[in-house]
All heavy atoms as atom14 arrays in JSON, in Angstrom:
{
  "sequence": "AEVEKAIASLQAGPHGFSALIIDPFFANEGFPDLPAGFLDKTVAAV",
  "atom14_mask": [
    [1, 1, 1, 1, 1, 0, 0, 0, 0, 0, 0, 0, 0, 0],
    [1, 1, 1, 1, 1, 1, 1, 1, 1, 0, 0, 0, 0, 0],
    [1, 1, 1, 1, 1, 1, 1, 0, 0, 0, 0, 0, 0, 0],
    [1, 1, 1, 1, 1, 1, 1, 1, 1, 0, 0, 0, 0, 0],
    [1, 1, 1, 1, 1, 1, 1, 1, 1, 0, 0, 0, 0, 0],
    [1, 1, 1, 1, 1, 0, 0, 0, 0, 0, 0, 0, 0, 0],
    [1, 1, 1, 1, 1, 1, 1, 1, 0, 0, 0, 0, 0, 0],
    [1, 1, 1, 1, 1, 0, 0, 0, 0, 0, 0, 0, 0, 0],
    [1, 1, 1, 1, 1, 1, 0, 0, 0, 0, 0, 0, 0, 0],
    [1, 1, 1, 1, 1, 1, 1, 1, 0, 0, 0, 0, 0, 0],
    [1, 1, 1, 1, 1, 1, 1, 1, 1, 0, 0, 0, 0, 0],
    [1, 1, 1, 1, 1, 0, 0, 0, 0, 0, 0, 0, 0, 0],
    [1, 1, 1, 1, 0, 0, 0, 0, 0, 0, 0, 0, 0, 0],
    [1, 1, 1, 1, 1, 1, 1, 0, 0, 0, 0, 0, 0, 0],
    [1, 1, 1, 1, 1, 1, 1, 1, 1, 1, 0, 0, 0, 0],
    [1, 1, 1, 1, 0, 0, 0, 0, 0, 0, 0, 0, 0, 0],
    [1, 1, 1, 1, 1, 1, 1, 1, 1, 1, 1, 0, 0, 0],
    [1, 1, 1, 1, 1, 1, 0, 0, 0, 0, 0, 0, 0, 0],
    [1, 1, 1, 1, 1, 0, 0, 0, 0, 0, 0, 0, 0, 0],
    [1, 1, 1, 1, 1, 1, 1, 1, 0, 0, 0, 0, 0, 0],
    [1, 1, 1, 1, 1, 1, 1, 1, 0, 0, 0, 0, 0, 0],
    [1, 1, 1, 1, 1, 1, 1, 1, 0, 0, 0, 0, 0, 0],
    [1, 1, 1, 1, 1, 1, 1, 1, 0, 0, 0, 0, 0, 0],
    [1, 1, 1, 1, 1, 1, 1, 0, 0, 0, 0, 0, 0, 0],
    [1, 1, 1, 1, 1, 1, 1, 1, 1, 1, 1, 0, 0, 0],
    [1, 1, 1, 1, 1, 1, 1, 1, 1, 1, 1, 0, 0, 0],
    [1, 1, 1, 1, 1, 0, 0, 0, 0, 0, 0, 0, 0, 0],
    [1, 1, 1, 1, 1, 1, 1, 1, 0, 0, 0, 0, 0, 0],
    [1, 1, 1, 1, 1, 1, 1, 1, 1, 0, 0, 0, 0, 0],
    [1, 1, 1, 1, 0, 0, 0, 0, 0, 0, 0, 0, 0, 0],
    [1, 1, 1, 1, 1, 1, 1, 1, 1, 1, 1, 0, 0, 0],
    [1, 1, 1, 1, 1, 1, 1, 0, 0, 0, 0, 0, 0, 0],
    [1, 1, 1, 1, 1, 1, 1, 1, 0, 0, 0, 0, 0, 0],
    [1, 1, 1, 1, 1, 1, 1, 1, 0, 0, 0, 0, 0, 0],
    [1, 1, 1, 1, 1, 1, 1, 0, 0, 0, 0, 0, 0, 0],
    [1, 1, 1, 1, 1, 0, 0, 0, 0, 0, 0, 0, 0, 0],
    [1, 1, 1, 1, 0, 0, 0, 0, 0, 0, 0, 0, 0, 0],
    [1, 1, 1, 1, 1, 1, 1, 1, 1, 1, 1, 0, 0, 0],
    [1, 1, 1, 1, 1, 1, 1, 1, 0, 0, 0, 0, 0, 0],
    [1, 1, 1, 1, 1, 1, 1, 1, 0, 0, 0, 0, 0, 0],
    [1, 1, 1, 1, 1, 1, 1, 1, 1, 0, 0, 0, 0, 0],
    [1, 1, 1, 1, 1, 1, 1, 0, 0, 0, 0, 0, 0, 0],
    [1, 1, 1, 1, 1, 1, 1, 0, 0, 0, 0, 0, 0, 0],
    [1, 1, 1, 1, 1, 0, 0, 0, 0, 0, 0, 0, 0, 0],
    [1, 1, 1, 1, 1, 0, 0, 0, 0, 0, 0, 0, 0, 0],
    [1, 1, 1, 1, 1, 1, 1, 0, 0, 0, 0, 0, 0, 0]
  ],
  "atom14_positions": [
    [[8.86, 58.25, 22.69], [9.16, 59.27, 23.68], [8.68, 58.85, 25.07], [9.35, 59.13, 26.08], [8.52, 60.6, 23.27], [0.0, 0.0, 0.0], [0.0, 0.0, 0.0], [0.0, 0.0, 0.0], [0.0, 0.0, 0.0], [0.0, 0.0, 0.0], [0.0, 0.0, 0.0], [0.0, 0.0, 0.0], [0.0, 0.0, 0.0], [0.0, 0.0, 0.0]],
    [[7.51, 58.19, 25.13], [7.02, 57.7, 26.42], [7.96, 56.63, 27.0], [8.22, 56.61, 28.21], [5.62, 57.13, 26.26], [4.55, 58.17, 25.94], [4.27, 59.09, 27.12], [4.51, 58.7, 28.27], [3.8, 60.22, 26.87], [0.0, 0.0, 0.0], [0.0, 0.0, 0.0], [0.0, 0.0, 0.0], [0.0, 0.0, 0.0], [0.0, 0.0, 0.0]],
    [[8.46, 55.76, 26.13], [9.41, 54.75, 26.59], [10.7, 55.4, 27.07], [11.27, 55.02, 28.1], [9.68, 53.72, 25.47], [10.81, 52.76, 25.86], [8.41, 52.94, 25.14], [0.0, 0.0, 0.0], [0.0, 0.0, 0.0], [0.0, 0.0, 0.0], [0.0, 0.0, 0.0], [0.0, 0.0, 0.0], [0.0, 0.0, 0.0], [0.0, 0.0, 0.0]],
    [[11.16, 56.4, 26.35], [12.38, 57.11, 26.75], [12.21, 57.77, 28.12], [13.13, 57.76, 28.95], [12.76, 58.14, 25.7], [13.31, 57.53, 24.42], [13.52, 58.56, 23.33], [12.83, 59.59, 23.34], [14.38, 58.33, 22.44], [0.0, 0.0, 0.0], [0.0, 0.0, 0.0], [0.0, 0.0, 0.0], [0.0, 0.0, 0.0], [0.0, 0.0, 0.0]],
    [[11.04, 58.34, 28.37], [10.78, 58.95, 29.68], [10.81, 57.9, 30.79], [11.36, 58.14, 31.87], [9.42, 59.67, 29.68], [9.42, 60.98, 28.93], [8.2, 61.82, 29.23], [6.92, 61.17, 28.86], [5.72, 62.03, 29.05], [0.0, 0.0, 0.0], [0.0, 0.0, 0.0], [0.0, 0.0, 0.0], [0.0, 0.0, 0.0], [0.0, 0.0, 0.0]],
    [[10.23, 56.73, 30.51], [10.23, 55.66, 31.49], [11.64, 55.14, 31.75], [12.0, 54.84, 32.89], [9.32, 54.53, 31.02], [0.0, 0.0, 0.0], [0.0, 0.0, 0.0], [0.0, 0.0, 0.0], [0.0, 0.0, 0.0], [0.0, 0.0, 0.0], [0.0, 0.0, 0.0], [0.0, 0.0, 0.0], [0.0, 0.0, 0.0], [0.0, 0.0, 0.0]],
    [[12.44, 55.04, 30.7], [13.84, 54.63, 30.86], [14.58, 55.62, 31.76], [15.29, 55.23, 32.69], [14.53, 54.52, 29.49], [13.97, 53.34, 28.7], [16.05, 54.36, 29.67], [14.45, 53.28, 27.25], [0.0, 0.0, 0.0], [0.0, 0.0, 0.0], [0.0, 0.0, 0.0], [0.0, 0.0, 0.0], [0.0, 0.0, 0.0], [0.0, 0.0, 0.0]],
    [[14.4, 56.91, 31.48], [15.08, 57.94, 32.27], [14.65, 57.87, 33.72], [15.48, 58.04, 34.63], [14.78, 59.32, 31.68], [0.0, 0.0, 0.0], [0.0, 0.0, 0.0], [0.0, 0.0, 0.0], [0.0, 0.0, 0.0], [0.0, 0.0, 0.0], [0.0, 0.0, 0.0], [0.0, 0.0, 0.0], [0.0, 0.0, 0.0], [0.0, 0.0, 0.0]],
    [[13.38, 57.62, 33.96], [12.89, 57.52, 35.33], [13.54, 56.36, 36.07], [13.95, 56.49, 37.22], [11.37, 57.35, 35.32], [10.87, 57.09, 36.62], [0.0, 0.0, 0.0], [0.0, 0.0, 0.0], [0.0, 0.0, 0.0], [0.0, 0.0, 0.0], [0.0, 0.0, 0.0], [0.0, 0.0, 0.0], [0.0, 0.0, 0.0], [0.0, 0.0, 0.0]],
    [[13.67, 55.21, 35.41], [14.31, 54.05, 36.03], [15.8, 54.29, 36.25], [16.36, 53.92, 37.28], [14.1, 52.81, 35.16], [12.68, 52.23, 35.18], [12.52, 51.2, 34.06], [12.36, 51.59, 36.53], [0.0, 0.0, 0.0], [0.0, 0.0, 0.0], [0.0, 0.0, 0.0], [0.0, 0.0, 0.0], [0.0, 0.0, 0.0], [0.0, 0.0, 0.0]],
    [[16.44, 54.91, 35.28], [17.88, 55.17, 35.4], [18.2, 56.16, 36.52], [19.31, 56.12, 37.08], [18.43, 55.67, 34.08], [18.48, 54.61, 32.97], [18.96, 55.17, 31.65], [18.68, 56.33, 31.32], [19.64, 54.37, 30.86], [0.0, 0.0, 0.0], [0.0, 0.0, 0.0], [0.0, 0.0, 0.0], [0.0, 0.0, 0.0], [0.0, 0.0, 0.0]],
    [[17.23, 57.0, 36.84], [17.45, 57.98, 37.92], [17.29, 57.36, 39.3], [17.62, 58.0, 40.3], [16.47, 59.14, 37.76], [0.0, 0.0, 0.0], [0.0, 0.0, 0.0], [0.0, 0.0, 0.0], [0.0, 0.0, 0.0], [0.0, 0.0, 0.0], [0.0, 0.0, 0.0], [0.0, 0.0, 0.0], [0.0, 0.0, 0.0], [0.0, 0.0, 0.0]],
    [[16.8, 56.11, 39.37], [16.59, 55.45, 40.65], [17.55, 54.3, 40.86], [18.46, 54.05, 40.06], [0.0, 0.0, 0.0], [0.0, 0.0, 0.0], [0.0, 0.0, 0.0], [0.0, 0.0, 0.0], [0.0, 0.0, 0.0], [0.0, 0.0, 0.0], [0.0, 0.0, 0.0], [0.0, 0.0, 0.0], [0.0, 0.0, 0.0], [0.0, 0.0, 0.0]],
    [[17.34, 53.54, 41.92], [18.27, 52.46, 42.26], [18.17, 51.21, 41.39], [19.08, 50.38, 41.4], [17.88, 52.13, 43.71], [16.42, 52.49, 43.79], [16.26, 53.7, 42.92], [0.0, 0.0, 0.0], [0.0, 0.0, 0.0], [0.0, 0.0, 0.0], [0.0, 0.0, 0.0], [0.0, 0.0, 0.0], [0.0, 0.0, 0.0], [0.0, 0.0, 0.0]],
    [[17.06, 51.08, 40.65], [16.83, 49.84, 39.91], [17.54, 49.8, 38.56], [17.93, 48.74, 38.08], [15.33, 49.61, 39.72], [14.56, 49.59, 41.0], [14.6, 48.52, 41.87], [13.74, 50.51, 41.57], [13.84, 48.78, 42.91], [13.31, 49.98, 42.76], [0.0, 0.0, 0.0], [0.0, 0.0, 0.0], [0.0, 0.0, 0.0], [0.0, 0.0, 0.0]],
    [[17.69, 50.96, 37.93], [18.21, 50.98, 36.57], [17.21, 50.38, 35.6], [16.07, 50.07, 35.95], [0.0, 0.0, 0.0], [0.0, 0.0, 0.0], [0.0, 0.0, 0.0], [0.0, 0.0, 0.0], [0.0, 0.0, 0.0], [0.0, 0.0, 0.0], [0.0, 0.0, 0.0], [0.0, 0.0, 0.0], [0.0, 0.0, 0.0], [0.0, 0.0, 0.0]],
    [[17.63, 50.21, 34.35], [16.73, 49.74, 33.3], [17.27, 48.44, 32.71], [18.4, 48.39, 32.23], [16.6, 50.8, 32.21], [15.87, 50.34, 30.98], [14.6, 49.8, 31.06], [16.48, 50.44, 29.73], [13.94, 49.36, 29.92], [15.81, 50.01, 28.58], [14.54, 49.47, 28.68], [0.0, 0.0, 0.0], [0.0, 0.0, 0.0], [0.0, 0.0, 0.0]],
    [[16.44, 47.4, 32.74], [16.86, 46.1, 32.2], [16.15, 45.74, 30.9], [16.77, 45.19, 29.99], [16.64, 44.98, 33.22], [15.25, 44.74, 33.44], [0.0, 0.0, 0.0], [0.0, 0.0, 0.0], [0.0, 0.0, 0.0], [0.0, 0.0, 0.0], [0.0, 0.0, 0.0], [0.0, 0.0, 0.0], [0.0, 0.0, 0.0], [0.0, 0.0, 0.0]],
    [[14.82, 46.01, 30.82], [14.09, 45.5, 29.66], [12.77, 46.21, 29.42], [12.14, 46.71, 30.35], [13.83, 44.0, 29.83], [0.0, 0.0, 0.0], [0.0, 0.0, 0.0], [0.0, 0.0, 0.0], [0.0, 0.0, 0.0], [0.0, 0.0, 0.0], [0.0, 0.0, 0.0], [0.0, 0.0, 0.0], [0.0, 0.0, 0.0], [0.0, 0.0, 0.0]],
    [[12.37, 46.22, 28.16], [11.01, 46.53, 27.74], [10.35, 45.21, 27.38], [10.89, 44.45, 26.57], [11.02, 47.46, 26.54], [9.67, 47.64, 25.81], [8.73, 48.51, 26.63], [9.89, 48.25, 24.41], [0.0, 0.0, 0.0], [0.0, 0.0, 0.0], [0.0, 0.0, 0.0], [0.0, 0.0, 0.0], [0.0, 0.0, 0.0], [0.0, 0.0, 0.0]],
    [[9.17, 44.92, 27.96], [8.44, 43.72, 27.6], [7.14, 44.13, 26.92], [6.36, 44.92, 27.45], [8.17, 42.8, 28.82], [7.42, 41.52, 28.37], [7.45, 43.53, 29.95], [7.38, 40.45, 29.43], [0.0, 0.0, 0.0], [0.0, 0.0, 0.0], [0.0, 0.0, 0.0], [0.0, 0.0, 0.0], [0.0, 0.0, 0.0], [0.0, 0.0, 0.0]],
    [[6.92, 43.59, 25.73], [5.71, 43.88, 24.96], [5.23, 42.62, 24.27], [6.01, 41.72, 23.97], [5.95, 44.97, 23.88], [7.11, 44.57, 22.96], [6.15, 46.34, 24.5], [7.24, 45.44, 21.72], [0.0, 0.0, 0.0], [0.0, 0.0, 0.0], [0.0, 0.0, 0.0], [0.0, 0.0, 0.0], [0.0, 0.0, 0.0], [0.0, 0.0, 0.0]],
    [[3.94, 42.55, 24.04], [3.39, 41.68, 23.02], [3.52, 42.46, 21.72], [2.95, 43.55, 21.58], [1.92, 41.39, 23.34], [1.19, 40.66, 22.22], [1.64, 40.68, 21.07], [0.11, 40.1, 22.5], [0.0, 0.0, 0.0], [0.0, 0.0, 0.0], [0.0, 0.0, 0.0], [0.0, 0.0, 0.0], [0.0, 0.0, 0.0], [0.0, 0.0, 0.0]],
    [[4.3, 42.0, 20.74], [4.54, 42.8, 19.53], [3.29, 43.04, 18.7], [3.31, 43.9, 17.8], [5.58, 41.99, 18.77], [5.4, 40.58, 19.26], [5.0, 40.7, 20.69], [0.0, 0.0, 0.0], [0.0, 0.0, 0.0], [0.0, 0.0, 0.0], [0.0, 0.0, 0.0], [0.0, 0.0, 0.0], [0.0, 0.0, 0.0], [0.0, 0.0, 0.0]],
    [[2.22, 42.32, 18.99], [0.93, 42.54, 18.34], [0.01, 43.39, 19.21], [-1.05, 43.79, 18.78], [0.28, 41.19, 18.03], [-0.85, 41.23, 17.04], [-0.62, 41.62, 15.73], [-2.13, 40.85, 17.4], [-1.67, 41.65, 14.8], [-3.18, 40.86, 16.48], [-2.94, 41.28, 15.18], [0.0, 0.0, 0.0], [0.0, 0.0, 0.0], [0.0, 0.0, 0.0]],
    [[0.43, 43.63, 20.44], [-0.34, 44.38, 21.43], [-1.77, 43.84, 21.52], [-2.76, 44.58, 21.39], [-0.33, 45.88, 21.09], [1.04, 46.51, 21.15], [1.79, 46.68, 19.99], [1.59, 46.87, 22.37], [3.06, 47.24, 20.04], [2.87, 47.43, 22.43], [3.6, 47.63, 21.26], [0.0, 0.0, 0.0], [0.0, 0.0, 0.0], [0.0, 0.0, 0.0]],
    [[-1.86, 42.53, 21.75], [-3.14, 41.83, 21.7], [-4.13, 42.33, 22.75], [-5.27, 42.67, 22.44], [-2.92, 40.33, 21.85], [0.0, 0.0, 0.0], [0.0, 0.0, 0.0], [0.0, 0.0, 0.0], [0.0, 0.0, 0.0], [0.0, 0.0, 0.0], [0.0, 0.0, 0.0], [0.0, 0.0, 0.0], [0.0, 0.0, 0.0], [0.0, 0.0, 0.0]],
    [[-3.71, 42.37, 24.0], [-4.62, 42.79, 25.06], [-4.93, 44.28, 25.01], [-5.93, 44.73, 25.57], [-4.06, 42.42, 26.44], [-4.14, 40.94, 26.69], [-5.07, 40.27, 26.31], [-3.16, 40.39, 27.34], [0.0, 0.0, 0.0], [0.0, 0.0, 0.0], [0.0, 0.0, 0.0], [0.0, 0.0, 0.0], [0.0, 0.0, 0.0], [0.0, 0.0, 0.0]],
    [[-4.08, 45.01, 24.36], [-4.31, 46.44, 24.16], [-5.35, 46.71, 23.07], [-5.76, 47.85, 22.87], [-3.01, 47.15, 23.81], [-1.98, 47.17, 24.95], [-1.07, 45.97, 24.99], [-1.45, 44.91, 24.45], [0.02, 46.06, 25.58], [0.0, 0.0, 0.0], [0.0, 0.0, 0.0], [0.0, 0.0, 0.0], [0.0, 0.0, 0.0], [0.0, 0.0, 0.0]],
    [[-5.76, 45.65, 22.37], [-6.75, 45.8, 21.3], [-6.18, 45.65, 19.92], [-6.78, 46.06, 18.94], [0.0, 0.0, 0.0], [0.0, 0.0, 0.0], [0.0, 0.0, 0.0], [0.0, 0.0, 0.0], [0.0, 0.0, 0.0], [0.0, 0.0, 0.0], [0.0, 0.0, 0.0], [0.0, 0.0, 0.0], [0.0, 0.0, 0.0], [0.0, 0.0, 0.0]],
    [[-4.98, 45.03, 19.81], [-4.26, 44.77, 18.56], [-4.39, 45.91, 17.56], [-4.98, 45.77, 16.47], [-4.66, 43.42, 17.92], [-6.12, 43.08, 17.95], [-6.98, 43.42, 16.93], [-6.65, 42.39, 19.03], [-8.31, 43.11, 16.96], [-8.0, 42.08, 19.08], [-8.82, 42.43, 18.03], [0.0, 0.0, 0.0], [0.0, 0.0, 0.0], [0.0, 0.0, 0.0]],
    [[-3.82, 47.08, 17.9], [-3.91, 48.23, 17.01], [-3.21, 47.96, 15.67], [-2.24, 47.2, 15.61], [-3.18, 49.34, 17.78], [-2.23, 48.6, 18.7], [-2.96, 47.35, 19.08], [0.0, 0.0, 0.0], [0.0, 0.0, 0.0], [0.0, 0.0, 0.0], [0.0, 0.0, 0.0], [0.0, 0.0, 0.0], [0.0, 0.0, 0.0], [0.0, 0.0, 0.0]],
    [[-3.72, 48.57, 14.62], [-3.06, 48.51, 13.31], [-1.95, 49.55, 13.3], [-2.2, 50.76, 13.21], [-4.06, 48.8, 12.18], [-4.9, 47.58, 11.83], [-4.44, 46.45, 12.08], [-6.03, 47.75, 11.33], [0.0, 0.0, 0.0], [0.0, 0.0, 0.0], [0.0, 0.0, 0.0], [0.0, 0.0, 0.0], [0.0, 0.0, 0.0], [0.0, 0.0, 0.0]],
    [[-0.72, 49.11, 13.38], [0.42, 50.0, 13.51], [1.18, 50.09, 12.2], [1.3, 49.1, 11.48], [1.35, 49.51, 14.63], [0.68, 49.39, 16.02], [1.64, 48.77, 17.01], [0.19, 50.75, 16.51], [0.0, 0.0, 0.0], [0.0, 0.0, 0.0], [0.0, 0.0, 0.0], [0.0, 0.0, 0.0], [0.0, 0.0, 0.0], [0.0, 0.0, 0.0]],
    [[1.71, 51.27, 11.89], [2.44, 51.43, 10.63], [3.74, 50.64, 10.63], [4.3, 50.34, 11.7], [2.7, 52.94, 10.57], [2.7, 53.39, 12.01], [1.67, 52.52, 12.68], [0.0, 0.0, 0.0], [0.0, 0.0, 0.0], [0.0, 0.0, 0.0], [0.0, 0.0, 0.0], [0.0, 0.0, 0.0], [0.0, 0.0, 0.0], [0.0, 0.0, 0.0]],
    [[4.23, 50.32, 9.45], [5.52, 49.64, 9.33], [6.6, 50.46, 10.02], [6.65, 51.68, 9.87], [5.87, 49.43, 7.86], [0.0, 0.0, 0.0], [0.0, 0.0, 0.0], [0.0, 0.0, 0.0], [0.0, 0.0, 0.0], [0.0, 0.0, 0.0], [0.0, 0.0, 0.0], [0.0, 0.0, 0.0], [0.0, 0.0, 0.0], [0.0, 0.0, 0.0]],
    [[7.43, 49.79, 10.78], [8.51, 50.48, 11.49], [8.08, 51.19, 12.75], [8.87, 51.96, 13.32], [0.0, 0.0, 0.0], [0.0, 0.0, 0.0], [0.0, 0.0, 0.0], [0.0, 0.0, 0.0], [0.0, 0.0, 0.0], [0.0, 0.0, 0.0], [0.0, 0.0, 0.0], [0.0, 0.0, 0.0], [0.0, 0.0, 0.0], [0.0, 0.0, 0.0]],
    [[6.85, 50.93, 13.2], [6.34, 51.64, 14.37], [7.25, 51.49, 15.58], [7.45, 52.43, 16.35], [4.94, 51.13, 14.72], [4.35, 51.74, 15.97], [3.74, 52.98, 15.94], [4.42, 51.07, 17.19], [3.21, 53.55, 17.09], [3.89, 51.63, 18.35], [3.28, 52.86, 18.3], [0.0, 0.0, 0.0], [0.0, 0.0, 0.0], [0.0, 0.0, 0.0]],
    [[7.84, 50.33, 15.76], [8.65, 50.06, 16.95], [10.13, 50.38, 16.77], [10.91, 50.21, 17.72], [8.5, 48.59, 17.36], [7.13, 48.21, 17.97], [7.02, 46.7, 18.14], [6.92, 48.91, 19.31], [0.0, 0.0, 0.0], [0.0, 0.0, 0.0], [0.0, 0.0, 0.0], [0.0, 0.0, 0.0], [0.0, 0.0, 0.0], [0.0, 0.0, 0.0]],
    [[10.54, 50.82, 15.61], [11.97, 51.03, 15.35], [12.59, 52.02, 16.33], [13.66, 51.76, 16.92], [12.19, 51.51, 13.92], [11.92, 50.44, 12.88], [11.64, 49.29, 13.27], [11.99, 50.74, 11.67], [0.0, 0.0, 0.0], [0.0, 0.0, 0.0], [0.0, 0.0, 0.0], [0.0, 0.0, 0.0], [0.0, 0.0, 0.0], [0.0, 0.0, 0.0]],
    [[11.97, 53.16, 16.52], [12.53, 54.17, 17.43], [12.51, 53.68, 18.87], [13.43, 53.97, 19.66], [11.76, 55.48, 17.3], [11.98, 56.19, 15.97], [11.24, 57.52, 15.92], [11.53, 58.25, 14.6], [10.81, 59.55, 14.53], [0.0, 0.0, 0.0], [0.0, 0.0, 0.0], [0.0, 0.0, 0.0], [0.0, 0.0, 0.0], [0.0, 0.0, 0.0]],
    [[11.47, 52.95, 19.22], [11.38, 52.4, 20.58], [12.51, 51.41, 20.84], [13.18, 51.46, 21.88], [10.01, 51.74, 20.79], [8.99, 52.74, 20.7], [9.94, 51.04, 22.12], [0.0, 0.0, 0.0], [0.0, 0.0, 0.0], [0.0, 0.0, 0.0], [0.0, 0.0, 0.0], [0.0, 0.0, 0.0], [0.0, 0.0, 0.0], [0.0, 0.0, 0.0]],
    [[12.7, 50.48, 19.91], [13.76, 49.49, 20.06], [15.13, 50.17, 20.12], [15.99, 49.79, 20.93], [13.7, 48.46, 18.92], [14.94, 47.56, 18.92], [12.43, 47.61, 19.03], [0.0, 0.0, 0.0], [0.0, 0.0, 0.0], [0.0, 0.0, 0.0], [0.0, 0.0, 0.0], [0.0, 0.0, 0.0], [0.0, 0.0, 0.0], [0.0, 0.0, 0.0]],
    [[15.33, 51.17, 19.28], [16.6, 51.9, 19.3], [16.84, 52.56, 20.66], [17.98, 52.55, 21.18], [16.62, 52.94, 18.19], [0.0, 0.0, 0.0], [0.0, 0.0, 0.0], [0.0, 0.0, 0.0], [0.0, 0.0, 0.0], [0.0, 0.0, 0.0], [0.0, 0.0, 0.0], [0.0, 0.0, 0.0], [0.0, 0.0, 0.0], [0.0, 0.0, 0.0]],
    [[15.79, 53.12, 21.26], [15.92, 53.76, 22.57], [16.27, 52.74, 23.65], [17.08, 53.0, 24.54], [14.62, 54.48, 22.93], [0.0, 0.0, 0.0], [0.0, 0.0, 0.0], [0.0, 0.0, 0.0], [0.0, 0.0, 0.0], [0.0, 0.0, 0.0], [0.0, 0.0, 0.0], [0.0, 0.0, 0.0], [0.0, 0.0, 0.0], [0.0, 0.0, 0.0]],
    [[15.64, 51.56, 23.57], [15.93, 50.5, 24.54], [17.38, 50.05, 24.43], [18.09, 49.93, 25.43], [14.96, 49.32, 24.33], [15.41, 48.11, 25.16], [13.54, 49.71, 24.68], [0.0, 0.0, 0.0], [0.0, 0.0, 0.0], [0.0, 0.0, 0.0], [0.0, 0.0, 0.0], [0.0, 0.0, 0.0], [0.0, 0.0, 0.0], [0.0, 0.0, 0.0]]
  ]
}
């Protein structure tokens, strides 16, 4: 939902939306233990 809000914000401006960039392990974020399929909805939104 946070990613979707960010997409909408970019689409409402002159830049539009090109990409989501992530470390899929979220290393610098502290490498959280994420459930299987955690990114599925995010990728679908992108």
